[in-house]
Amino acid sequence: MRFEAVKGPLRRAFLPVLFGVHSAVAERYGVDSEIHEPRDTTLDYLVAASAGELTGTFGGALEARQIPVGDG
């Protein structure tokens, strides 16, 4: 991993991430999992990032309306 100063407090991160295909995606594109190791797809990262953002937004909305959240 490498970070680069851009300007003031702004930084750019370079992350070594390998993408590939797995399960149904590999089957759809005819990728042999015996030859190519299954890996997360770029779509997996997009869905995870979106879910994380939406979870935070939803939690903030509940908090603003004083709806209790927590254990259970």
PDB file of N, CA and C in Angstrom:
ATOM      1  N   MET A   1       0.847  -1.147   0.000  1.00  0.00           N
ATOM      2  CA  MET A   1       0.000   0.000   0.000  1.00  0.00           C
ATOM      3  C   MET A   1       0.910   1.233   0.000  1.00  0.00           C
ATOM      4  N   ARG A   2       0.457   2.255  -0.745  1.00  0.00           N
ATOM      5  CA  ARG A   2       1.253   3.473  -0.830  1.00  0.00           C
ATOM      6  C   ARG A   2       0.315   4.667  -0.751  1.00  0.00           C
ATOM      7  N   PHE A   3       0.760   5.713  -0.053  1.00  0.00           N
ATOM      8  CA  PHE A   3      -0.008   6.943   0.041  1.00  0.00           C
ATOM      9  C   PHE A   3       0.789   8.076  -0.585  1.00  0.00           C
ATOM     10  N   GLU A   4       0.082   8.997  -1.204  1.00  0.00           N
ATOM     11  CA  GLU A   4       0.725  10.131  -1.866  1.00  0.00           C
ATOM     12  C   GLU A   4       0.033  11.416  -1.414  1.00  0.00           C
ATOM     13  N   ALA A   5       0.820  12.390  -0.966  1.00  0.00           N
ATOM     14  CA  ALA A   5       0.262  13.691  -0.604  1.00  0.00           C
ATOM     15  C   ALA A   5      -0.137  14.416  -1.890  1.00  0.00           C
ATOM     16  N   VAL A   6      -1.356  14.938  -1.920  1.00  0.00           N
ATOM     17  CA  VAL A   6      -1.842  15.646  -3.105  1.00  0.00           C
ATOM     18  C   VAL A   6      -1.760  17.147  -2.865  1.00  0.00           C
ATOM     19  N   LYS A   7      -2.513  17.642  -1.892  1.00  0.00           N
ATOM     20  CA  LYS A   7      -2.479  19.061  -1.537  1.00  0.00           C
ATOM     21  C   LYS A   7      -3.118  19.223  -0.164  1.00  0.00           C
ATOM     22  N   GLY A   8      -2.447  19.911   0.731  1.00  0.00           N
ATOM     23  CA  GLY A   8      -2.979  20.094   2.080  1.00  0.00           C
ATOM     24  C   GLY A   8      -3.242  18.743   2.719  1.00  0.00           C
ATOM     25  N   PRO A   9      -4.453  18.549   3.267  1.00  0.00           N
ATOM     26  CA  PRO A   9      -4.752  17.277   3.922  1.00  0.00           C
ATOM     27  C   PRO A   9      -5.180  16.168   2.954  1.00  0.00           C
ATOM     28  N   LEU A  10      -5.285  16.485   1.669  1.00  0.00           N
ATOM     29  CA  LEU A  10      -5.745  15.507   0.679  1.00  0.00           C
ATOM     30  C   LEU A  10      -4.644  14.494   0.372  1.00  0.00           C
ATOM     31  N   ARG A  11      -5.002  13.195   0.453  1.00  0.00           N
ATOM     32  CA  ARG A  11      -4.061  12.104   0.175  1.00  0.00           C
ATOM     33  C   ARG A  11      -4.686  11.148  -0.832  1.00  0.00           C
ATOM     34  N   ARG A  12      -3.840  10.486  -1.598  1.00  0.00           N
ATOM     35  CA  ARG A  12      -4.287   9.454  -2.541  1.00  0.00           C
ATOM     36  C   ARG A  12      -3.679   8.137  -2.077  1.00  0.00           C
ATOM     37  N   ALA A  13      -4.511   7.088  -2.024  1.00  0.00           N
ATOM     38  CA  ALA A  13      -4.041   5.766  -1.605  1.00  0.00           C
ATOM     39  C   ALA A  13      -3.984   4.839  -2.811  1.00  0.00           C
ATOM     40  N   PHE A  14      -2.938   4.066  -2.888  1.00  0.00           N
ATOM     41  CA  PHE A  14      -2.780   3.039  -3.918  1.00  0.00           C
ATOM     42  C   PHE A  14      -2.813   1.691  -3.207  1.00  0.00           C
ATOM     43  N   LEU A  15      -3.856   0.927  -3.486  1.00  0.00           N
ATOM     44  CA  LEU A  15      -4.055  -0.346  -2.797  1.00  0.00           C
ATOM     45  C   LEU A  15      -3.877  -1.503  -3.772  1.00  0.00           C
ATOM     46  N   PRO A  16      -3.043  -2.469  -3.423  1.00  0.00           N
ATOM     47  CA  PRO A  16      -2.852  -3.624  -4.305  1.00  0.00           C
ATOM     48  C   PRO A  16      -3.997  -4.624  -4.147  1.00  0.00           C
ATOM     49  N   VAL A  17      -4.988  -4.513  -5.007  1.00  0.00           N
ATOM     50  CA  VAL A  17      -6.154  -5.389  -4.948  1.00  0.00           C
ATOM     51  C   VAL A  17      -6.231  -6.188  -6.243  1.00  0.00           C
ATOM     52  N   LEU A  18      -6.393  -7.497  -6.108  1.00  0.00           N
ATOM     53  CA  LEU A  18      -6.567  -8.356  -7.270  1.00  0.00           C
ATOM     54  C   LEU A  18      -8.042  -8.694  -7.430  1.00  0.00           C
ATOM     55  N   PHE A  19      -8.558  -8.490  -8.619  1.00  0.00           N
ATOM     56  CA  PHE A  19      -9.939  -8.822  -8.913  1.00  0.00           C
ATOM     57  C   PHE A  19      -9.970 -10.019  -9.846  1.00  0.00           C
ATOM     58  N   GLY A  20     -11.084 -10.686  -9.876  1.00  0.00           N
ATOM     59  CA  GLY A  20     -11.248 -11.828 -10.766  1.00  0.00           C
ATOM     60  C   GLY A  20     -12.716 -12.168 -10.878  1.00  0.00           C
ATOM     61  N   VAL A  21     -13.002 -13.444 -10.917  1.00  0.00           N
ATOM     62  CA  VAL A  21     -14.383 -13.910 -10.959  1.00  0.00           C
ATOM     63  C   VAL A  21     -14.534 -15.120 -10.043  1.00  0.00           C
ATOM     64  N   HIS A  22     -15.763 -15.417  -9.677  1.00  0.00           N
ATOM     65  CA  HIS A  22     -16.056 -16.576  -8.838  1.00  0.00           C
ATOM     66  C   HIS A  22     -17.428 -17.118  -9.189  1.00  0.00           C
ATOM     67  N   SER A  23     -17.718 -18.297  -8.772  1.00  0.00           N
ATOM     68  CA  SER A  23     -18.996 -19.006  -8.880  1.00  0.00           C
ATOM     69  C   SER A  23     -19.776 -18.721 -10.157  1.00  0.00           C
ATOM     70  N   ALA A  24     -20.954 -18.128 -10.009  1.00  0.00           N
ATOM     71  CA  ALA A  24     -21.842 -17.922 -11.162  1.00  0.00           C
ATOM     72  C   ALA A  24     -21.222 -16.999 -12.202  1.00  0.00           C
ATOM     73  N   VAL A  25     -20.426 -16.053 -11.766  1.00  0.00           N
ATOM     74  CA  VAL A  25     -19.774 -15.136 -12.709  1.00  0.00           C
ATOM     75  C   VAL A  25     -18.784 -15.913 -13.571  1.00  0.00           C
ATOM     76  N   ALA A  26     -18.002 -16.778 -12.935  1.00  0.00           N
ATOM     77  CA  ALA A  26     -17.045 -17.595 -13.678  1.00  0.00           C
ATOM     78  C   ALA A  26     -17.767 -18.509 -14.663  1.00  0.00           C
ATOM     79  N   GLU A  27     -18.859 -19.094 -14.196  1.00  0.00           N
ATOM     80  CA  GLU A  27     -19.636 -19.979 -15.072  1.00  0.00           C
ATOM     81  C   GLU A  27     -20.195 -19.205 -16.265  1.00  0.00           C
ATOM     82  N   ARG A  28     -20.705 -18.018 -16.011  1.00  0.00           N
ATOM     83  CA  ARG A  28     -21.296 -17.188 -17.076  1.00  0.00           C
ATOM     84  C   ARG A  28     -20.270 -16.865 -18.167  1.00  0.00           C
ATOM     85  N   TYR A  29     -19.027 -16.586 -17.750  1.00  0.00           N
ATOM     86  CA  TYR A  29     -17.983 -16.204 -18.706  1.00  0.00           C
ATOM     87  C   TYR A  29     -17.089 -17.367 -19.120  1.00  0.00           C
ATOM     88  N   GLY A  30     -17.437 -18.583 -18.678  1.00  0.00           N
ATOM     89  CA  GLY A  30     -16.684 -19.758 -19.085  1.00  0.00           C
ATOM     90  C   GLY A  30     -15.280 -19.833 -18.517  1.00  0.00           C
ATOM     91  N   VAL A  31     -15.078 -19.320 -17.314  1.00  0.00           N
ATOM     92  CA  VAL A  31     -13.771 -19.346 -16.662  1.00  0.00           C
ATOM     93  C   VAL A  31     -13.647 -20.635 -15.854  1.00  0.00           C
ATOM     94  N   ASP A  32     -12.615 -21.384 -16.113  1.00  0.00           N
ATOM     95  CA  ASP A  32     -12.368 -22.653 -15.425  1.00  0.00           C
ATOM     96  C   ASP A  32     -11.725 -22.374 -14.065  1.00  0.00           C
ATOM     97  N   SER A  33     -12.443 -22.675 -12.971  1.00  0.00           N
ATOM     98  CA  SER A  33     -11.928 -22.413 -11.622  1.00  0.00           C
ATOM     99  C   SER A  33     -10.770 -23.338 -11.254  1.00  0.00           C
ATOM    100  N   GLU A  34     -10.542 -24.390 -12.035  1.00  0.00           N
ATOM    101  CA  GLU A  34      -9.381 -25.249 -11.809  1.00  0.00           C
ATOM    102  C   GLU A  34      -8.104 -24.574 -12.311  1.00  0.00           C
ATOM    103  N   ILE A  35      -8.250 -23.664 -13.259  1.00  0.00           N
ATOM    104  CA  ILE A  35      -7.101 -22.951 -13.830  1.00  0.00           C
ATOM    105  C   ILE A  35      -6.927 -21.577 -13.177  1.00  0.00           C
ATOM    106  N   HIS A  36      -8.038 -20.876 -12.978  1.00  0.00           N
ATOM    107  CA  HIS A  36      -7.998 -19.518 -12.415  1.00  0.00           C
ATOM    108  C   HIS A  36      -8.600 -19.528 -11.013  1.00  0.00           C
ATOM    109  N   GLU A  37      -7.812 -19.083 -10.054  1.00  0.00           N
ATOM    110  CA  GLU A  37      -8.261 -19.046  -8.666  1.00  0.00           C
ATOM    111  C   GLU A  37      -9.453 -18.094  -8.521  1.00  0.00           C
ATOM    112  N   PRO A  38     -10.527 -18.537  -7.866  1.00  0.00           N
ATOM    113  CA  PRO A  38     -11.674 -17.641  -7.667  1.00  0.00           C
ATOM    114  C   PRO A  38     -11.281 -16.421  -6.832  1.00  0.00           C
ATOM    115  N   ARG A  39     -11.741 -15.269  -7.263  1.00  0.00           N
ATOM    116  CA  ARG A  39     -11.459 -14.008  -6.558  1.00  0.00           C
ATOM    117  C   ARG A  39     -12.709 -13.142  -6.563  1.00  0.00           C
ATOM    118  N   ASP A  40     -12.714 -12.154  -5.680  1.00  0.00           N
ATOM    119  CA  ASP A  40     -13.807 -11.192  -5.657  1.00  0.00           C
ATOM    120  C   ASP A  40     -13.827 -10.407  -6.964  1.00  0.00           C
ATOM    121  N   THR A  41     -15.036 -10.043  -7.371  1.00  0.00           N
ATOM    122  CA  THR A  41     -15.179  -9.235  -8.580  1.00  0.00           C
ATOM    123  C   THR A  41     -15.239  -7.760  -8.200  1.00  0.00           C
ATOM    124  N   THR A  42     -15.090  -6.904  -9.170  1.00  0.00           N
ATOM    125  CA  THR A  42     -15.233  -5.467  -8.911  1.00  0.00           C
ATOM    126  C   THR A  42     -16.644  -5.172  -8.420  1.00  0.00           C
ATOM    127  N   LEU A  43     -17.628  -5.925  -8.910  1.00  0.00           N
ATOM    128  CA  LEU A  43     -19.008  -5.734  -8.467  1.00  0.00           C
ATOM    129  C   LEU A  43     -19.158  -6.046  -6.975  1.00  0.00           C
ATOM    130  N   ASP A  44     -18.435  -7.040  -6.473  1.00  0.00           N
ATOM    131  CA  ASP A  44     -18.482  -7.359  -5.043  1.00  0.00           C
ATOM    132  C   ASP A  44     -18.077  -6.146  -4.210  1.00  0.00           C
ATOM    133  N   TYR A  45     -17.031  -5.450  -4.635  1.00  0.00           N
ATOM    134  CA  TYR A  45     -16.556  -4.275  -3.912  1.00  0.00           C
ATOM    135  C   TYR A  45     -17.557  -3.131  -4.001  1.00  0.00           C
ATOM    136  N   LEU A  46     -18.173  -2.964  -5.152  1.00  0.00           N
ATOM    137  CA  LEU A  46     -19.165  -1.915  -5.336  1.00  0.00           C
ATOM    138  C   LEU A  46     -20.380  -2.162  -4.438  1.00  0.00           C
ATOM    139  N   VAL A  47     -20.860  -3.388  -4.394  1.00  0.00           N
ATOM    140  CA  VAL A  47     -22.009  -3.732  -3.550  1.00  0.00           C
ATOM    141  C   VAL A  47     -21.663  -3.542  -2.076  1.00  0.00           C
ATOM    142  N   ALA A  48     -20.480  -3.982  -1.650  1.00  0.00           N
ATOM    143  CA  ALA A  48     -20.077  -3.841  -0.255  1.00  0.00           C
ATOM    144  C   ALA A  48     -19.966  -2.367   0.146  1.00  0.00           C
ATOM    145  N   ALA A  49     -19.386  -1.542  -0.708  1.00  0.00           N
ATOM    146  CA  ALA A  49     -19.255  -0.118  -0.415  1.00  0.00           C
ATOM    147  C   ALA A  49     -20.625   0.546  -0.337  1.00  0.00           C
ATOM    148  N   SER A  50     -21.502   0.204  -1.247  1.00  0.00           N
ATOM    149  CA  SER A  50     -22.856   0.773  -1.239  1.00  0.00           C
ATOM    150  C   SER A  50     -23.616   0.358   0.009  1.00  0.00           C
ATOM    151  N   ALA A  51     -23.510  -0.906   0.377  1.00  0.00           N
ATOM    152  CA  ALA A  51     -24.193  -1.402   1.572  1.00  0.00           C
ATOM    153  C   ALA A  51     -23.672  -0.703   2.821  1.00  0.00           C
ATOM    154  N   GLY A  52     -22.372  -0.500   2.897  1.00  0.00           N
ATOM    155  CA  GLY A  52     -21.794   0.192   4.049  1.00  0.00           C
ATOM    156  C   GLY A  52     -22.292   1.619   4.146  1.00  0.00           C
ATOM    157  N   GLU A  53     -22.352   2.305   3.031  1.00  0.00           N
ATOM    158  CA  GLU A  53     -22.834   3.686   3.003  1.00  0.00           C
ATOM    159  C   GLU A  53     -24.306   3.746   3.399  1.00  0.00           C
ATOM    160  N   LEU A  54     -25.120   2.869   2.842  1.00  0.00           N
ATOM    161  CA  LEU A  54     -26.551   2.871   3.149  1.00  0.00           C
ATOM    162  C   LEU A  54     -26.817   2.517   4.606  1.00  0.00           C
ATOM    163  N   THR A  55     -26.013   1.613   5.165  1.00  0.00           N
ATOM    164  CA  THR A  55     -26.169   1.250   6.569  1.00  0.00           C
ATOM    165  C   THR A  55     -25.912   2.455   7.462  1.00  0.00           C
ATOM    166  N   GLY A  56     -24.863   3.206   7.161  1.00  0.00           N
ATOM    167  CA  GLY A  56     -24.557   4.411   7.934  1.00  0.00           C
ATOM    168  C   GLY A  56     -25.648   5.459   7.808  1.00  0.00           C
ATOM    169  N   THR A  57     -26.172   5.644   6.607  1.00  0.00           N
ATOM    170  CA  THR A  57     -27.239   6.611   6.382  1.00  0.00           C
ATOM    171  C   THR A  57     -28.502   6.208   7.138  1.00  0.00           C
ATOM    172  N   PHE A  58     -28.846   4.933   7.078  1.00  0.00           N
ATOM    173  CA  PHE A  58     -30.024   4.431   7.772  1.00  0.00           C
ATOM    174  C   PHE A  58     -29.869   4.604   9.280  1.00  0.00           C
ATOM    175  N   GLY A  59     -28.680   4.281   9.799  1.00  0.00           N
ATOM    176  CA  GLY A  59     -28.423   4.445  11.225  1.00  0.00           C
ATOM    177  C   GLY A  59     -28.549   5.895  11.659  1.00  0.00           C
ATOM    178  N   GLY A  60     -28.056   6.809  10.836  1.00  0.00           N
ATOM    179  CA  GLY A  60     -28.176   8.233  11.139  1.00  0.00           C
ATOM    180  C   GLY A  60     -29.614   8.700  11.132  1.00  0.00           C
ATOM    181  N   ALA A  61     -30.409   8.169  10.198  1.00  0.00           N
ATOM    182  CA  ALA A  61     -31.831   8.531  10.125  1.00  0.00           C
ATOM    183  C   ALA A  61     -32.571   8.035  11.368  1.00  0.00           C
ATOM    184  N   LEU A  62     -32.260   6.822  11.817  1.00  0.00           N
ATOM    185  CA  LEU A  62     -32.895   6.295  13.030  1.00  0.00           C
ATOM    186  C   LEU A  62     -32.508   7.131  14.245  1.00  0.00           C
ATOM    187  N   GLU A  63     -31.240   7.476  14.331  1.00  0.00           N
ATOM    188  CA  GLU A  63     -30.757   8.273  15.458  1.00  0.00           C
ATOM    189  C   GLU A  63     -31.425   9.649  15.474  1.00  0.00           C
ATOM    190  N   ALA A  64     -31.561  10.279  14.318  1.00  0.00           N
ATOM    191  CA  ALA A  64     -32.189  11.605  14.231  1.00  0.00           C
ATOM    192  C   ALA A  64     -33.628  11.563  14.694  1.00  0.00           C
ATOM    193  N   ARG A  65     -34.268  10.417  14.516  1.00  0.00           N
ATOM    194  CA  ARG A  65     -35.669  10.279  14.928  1.00  0.00           C
ATOM    195  C   ARG A  65     -35.797   9.666  16.320  1.00  0.00           C
ATOM    196  N   GLN A  66     -34.667   9.555  17.003  1.00  0.00           N
ATOM    197  CA  GLN A  66     -34.587   9.011  18.358  1.00  0.00           C
ATOM    198  C   GLN A  66     -35.204   7.615  18.456  1.00  0.00           C
ATOM    199  N   ILE A  67     -34.954   6.805  17.435  1.00  0.00           N
ATOM    200  CA  ILE A  67     -35.391   5.415  17.429  1.00  0.00           C
ATOM    201  C   ILE A  67     -34.234   4.589  17.965  1.00  0.00           C
ATOM    202  N   PRO A  68     -34.430   3.888  19.081  1.00  0.00           N
ATOM    203  CA  PRO A  68     -33.318   3.152  19.692  1.00  0.00           C
ATOM    204  C   PRO A  68     -32.839   1.997  18.818  1.00  0.00           C
ATOM    205  N   VAL A  69     -31.537   1.879  18.718  1.00  0.00           N
ATOM    206  CA  VAL A  69     -30.908   0.766  18.023  1.00  0.00           C
ATOM    207  C   VAL A  69     -29.788   0.253  18.916  1.00  0.00           C
ATOM    208  N   GLY A  70     -29.382  -0.954  18.701  1.00  0.00           N
ATOM    209  CA  GLY A  70     -28.297  -1.499  19.499  1.00  0.00           C
ATOM    210  C   GLY A  70     -28.439  -3.002  19.590  1.00  0.00           C
ATOM    211  N   ASP A  71     -27.982  -3.543  20.686  1.00  0.00           N
ATOM    212  CA  ASP A  71     -28.024  -4.994  20.876  1.00  0.00           C
ATOM    213  C   ASP A  71     -29.452  -5.518  20.760  1.00  0.00           C
ATOM    214  N   GLY A  72     -29.619  -6.509  19.893  1.00  0.00           N
ATOM    215  CA  GLY A  72     -30.930  -7.136  19.744  1.00  0.00           C
ATOM    216  C   GLY A  72     -31.821  -6.357  18.849  1.00  0.00           C
TER     217      GLY A  72
END
